[in-house]
Structures are given as structure tokens and as C-alpha cells.
Amino acid sequence: MDLGNPVLQLCQDGMRAEAEGRSADAQALFQQAWARRTDDYEACVAAHYLARQQDAPEEILRWNQEALRHADAVGDDRVAAFYPSLHVGVAMANERLGNTPAAHAAFEQAAEHVDVLPAGAYGEQLRAAITEGLRRSS
């Protein structure tokens, strides 16, 4: 990730604020990143983090779908690692909305991308979310 990129730097600052429990600051930083995006890659990253800051499942779904749309438009490996998380976000939002078939389809799409997940806690957390989501939605 190019941390010299101002949009990505805003997202890093937002993640730091999120980790420190300053969710309003995090959301403001992610919104600034969204406002300053200049291409599909930056839009994908900013939308990905904006999705995490939403309370309403409709908004979580909308931002994850926005990030997926931009990820697809990027067309290279810079966004590969986002796909499992984005699809899990879509799936979980659909679960909250009571749309089990759409949730199942999104969990299946996430499962198609597990090979890009890193070893360690983050990768294991997403793998578990996918496995449990597929079980719940079957």
C-alpha cells in the first residue's frame, strides 16, 4: 500500500482512530478519503473502510457493494486481498436484512477468494466467518 498516497494515508489515520475508539474521527477521515478519491483503487479502499463505520445494514451493504464495484474496475492484484472481506460484509449485511439467499451467494463468493488471505489472526477470522456464514445460510 502506497502510504504516500493522500487517500490511503487518510484511511490509515482512520484505522488508527478506529483502533483508539474514536469512531467519529475515523468516520470523518474515511469520508475525507472518499471525497478525495481520484481513481477506482482509492475509491475501493475508501468505500471498504466507510462500510465498516456504518450502523444500518442497508448502508453497510451499499458501501461494500460500492467497494466491490470499484475493485472490479481496478482489474489488478492491488485489490485482491479486499475481496474476501468485502464479500463477507455484503453477506452479513444481507443476513441482517433477512435476505438469506443473497447472503449465501456472497459467502460463496468470499470462499472463492480465501486463497489470498494471509496466515494469522485476520485470515483465520475471515475464514471462520465464511465457514460459519455458509453453515447459517444453507
Protein backbone atom coordinates (compact mmCIF):
# COMPACT_ATOMS: atom_id res chain seq x y z
CA MET A 1 0.00 0.00 0.00
CA ASP A 2 1.44 3.35 -1.05
CA LEU A 3 1.30 5.39 2.15
CA GLY A 4 2.50 8.43 0.25
CA ASN A 5 -0.92 8.45 -1.38
CA PRO A 6 -3.04 11.05 0.48
CA VAL A 7 -6.24 8.97 0.24
CA LEU A 8 -4.54 5.88 1.62
CA GLN A 9 -2.92 7.98 4.35
CA LEU A 10 -6.36 9.25 5.39
CA CYS A 11 -7.54 5.63 5.57
CA GLN A 12 -4.51 4.68 7.70
CA ASP A 13 -5.26 7.61 10.01
CA GLY A 14 -8.90 6.48 10.12
CA MET A 15 -7.88 2.94 11.05
CA ARG A 16 -5.70 4.34 13.84
CA ALA A 17 -8.62 6.45 15.13
CA GLU A 18 -10.88 3.39 14.92
CA ALA A 19 -8.39 1.31 16.93
CA GLU A 20 -8.22 4.07 19.54
CA GLY A 21 -12.01 4.06 19.90
CA ARG A 22 -12.50 7.40 18.14
CA SER A 23 -15.18 6.23 15.73
CA ALA A 24 -16.45 9.72 14.85
CA ASP A 25 -12.90 10.76 13.90
CA ALA A 26 -12.45 7.52 11.95
CA GLN A 27 -15.65 8.06 10.02
CA ALA A 28 -14.69 11.66 9.23
CA LEU A 29 -11.27 10.55 7.96
CA PHE A 30 -12.80 7.82 5.78
CA GLN A 31 -15.31 10.34 4.40
CA GLN A 32 -12.43 12.69 3.58
CA ALA A 33 -10.69 9.81 1.79
CA TRP A 34 -13.86 9.15 -0.20
CA ALA A 35 -14.15 12.84 -1.13
CA ARG A 36 -10.51 12.93 -2.30
CA ARG A 37 -10.52 9.69 -4.32
CA THR A 38 -9.14 10.04 -7.82
CA ASP A 39 -9.39 6.50 -9.21
CA ASP A 40 -11.08 3.15 -8.69
CA TYR A 41 -8.35 1.84 -6.41
CA GLU A 42 -8.65 4.75 -4.00
CA ALA A 43 -12.45 4.54 -4.20
CA CYS A 44 -12.35 0.81 -3.37
CA VAL A 45 -10.17 1.39 -0.30
CA ALA A 46 -12.17 4.36 0.99
CA ALA A 47 -15.54 2.62 0.46
CA HIS A 48 -14.21 -0.52 2.17
CA TYR A 49 -13.43 1.46 5.29
CA LEU A 50 -16.61 3.53 5.13
CA ALA A 51 -18.60 0.27 5.15
CA ARG A 52 -17.04 -0.61 8.49
CA GLN A 53 -18.29 2.64 10.02
CA GLN A 54 -21.96 2.18 9.17
CA ASP A 55 -24.64 1.09 11.63
CA ALA A 56 -27.55 0.37 9.27
CA PRO A 57 -27.26 -2.87 7.29
CA GLU A 58 -28.55 -1.07 4.20
CA GLU A 59 -25.59 1.33 4.38
CA ILE A 60 -23.10 -1.45 5.14
CA LEU A 61 -24.40 -3.27 2.08
CA ARG A 62 -24.32 -0.14 -0.09
CA TRP A 63 -20.71 0.74 0.81
CA ASN A 64 -19.47 -2.83 0.41
CA GLN A 65 -21.18 -3.04 -2.99
CA GLU A 66 -19.58 0.29 -3.91
CA ALA A 67 -16.17 -1.03 -2.90
CA LEU A 68 -16.74 -4.23 -4.91
CA ARG A 69 -17.76 -2.23 -7.97
CA HIS A 70 -14.58 -0.19 -7.77
CA ALA A 71 -12.44 -3.27 -7.01
CA ASP A 72 -13.76 -4.93 -10.17
CA ALA A 73 -12.91 -1.78 -12.14
CA VAL A 74 -9.31 -1.77 -10.83
CA GLY A 75 -8.63 -5.06 -12.60
CA ASP A 76 -5.32 -5.92 -10.91
CA ASP A 77 -3.92 -7.55 -7.77
CA ARG A 78 -3.86 -4.38 -5.66
CA VAL A 79 -7.41 -5.16 -4.52
CA ALA A 80 -7.23 -8.97 -4.37
CA ALA A 81 -6.96 -9.06 -0.58
CA PHE A 82 -10.09 -6.92 -0.20
CA TYR A 83 -12.45 -9.38 -1.90
CA PRO A 84 -12.97 -11.85 0.99
CA SER A 85 -13.73 -9.05 3.44
CA LEU A 86 -15.98 -7.19 1.01
CA HIS A 87 -17.99 -10.29 0.19
CA VAL A 88 -18.31 -11.17 3.89
CA GLY A 89 -19.51 -7.62 4.53
CA VAL A 90 -22.14 -7.97 1.79
CA ALA A 91 -23.16 -11.35 3.17
CA MET A 92 -23.50 -10.19 6.75
CA ALA A 93 -25.48 -7.12 5.74
CA ASN A 94 -27.82 -9.34 3.73
CA GLU A 95 -28.19 -11.62 6.75
CA ARG A 96 -29.18 -8.65 8.89
CA LEU A 97 -31.68 -7.65 6.20
CA GLY A 98 -33.16 -11.17 6.20
CA ASN A 99 -32.04 -11.94 2.64
CA THR A 100 -30.61 -15.42 3.20
CA PRO A 101 -30.16 -16.39 -0.49
CA ALA A 102 -28.14 -13.23 -1.19
CA ALA A 103 -26.13 -13.79 2.00
CA HIS A 104 -25.34 -17.36 0.96
CA ALA A 105 -24.26 -16.26 -2.53
CA ALA A 106 -21.95 -13.61 -1.04
CA PHE A 107 -20.42 -16.10 1.42
CA GLU A 108 -19.79 -18.42 -1.55
CA GLN A 109 -18.09 -15.58 -3.41
CA ALA A 110 -15.95 -14.87 -0.35
CA ALA A 111 -14.99 -18.55 -0.22
CA GLU A 112 -13.70 -18.31 -3.79
CA HIS A 113 -11.12 -15.76 -2.61
CA VAL A 114 -9.81 -17.38 0.61
CA ASP A 115 -6.52 -18.29 -1.07
CA VAL A 116 -5.45 -14.62 -0.87
CA LEU A 117 -6.00 -14.39 2.89
CA PRO A 118 -2.84 -14.15 4.96
CA ALA A 119 -1.88 -16.62 7.65
CA GLY A 120 -2.60 -15.38 11.14
CA ALA A 121 -5.49 -14.00 13.11
CA TYR A 122 -7.01 -11.77 10.40
CA GLY A 123 -7.08 -14.53 7.81
CA GLU A 124 -8.40 -17.07 10.30
CA GLN A 125 -11.13 -14.68 11.44
CA LEU A 126 -12.36 -14.23 7.86
CA ARG A 127 -12.11 -17.95 7.10
CA ALA A 128 -14.21 -18.69 10.19
CA ALA A 129 -16.76 -16.01 9.23
CA ILE A 130 -17.10 -17.58 5.77
CA THR A 131 -17.43 -21.13 7.12
CA GLU A 132 -19.98 -20.13 9.74
CA GLY A 133 -21.87 -17.92 7.29
CA LEU A 134 -22.16 -20.74 4.77
CA ARG A 135 -23.44 -23.02 7.53
CA ARG A 136 -26.00 -20.47 8.72
CA SER A 137 -27.28 -19.68 5.24
CA SER A 138 -27.59 -23.26 3.96
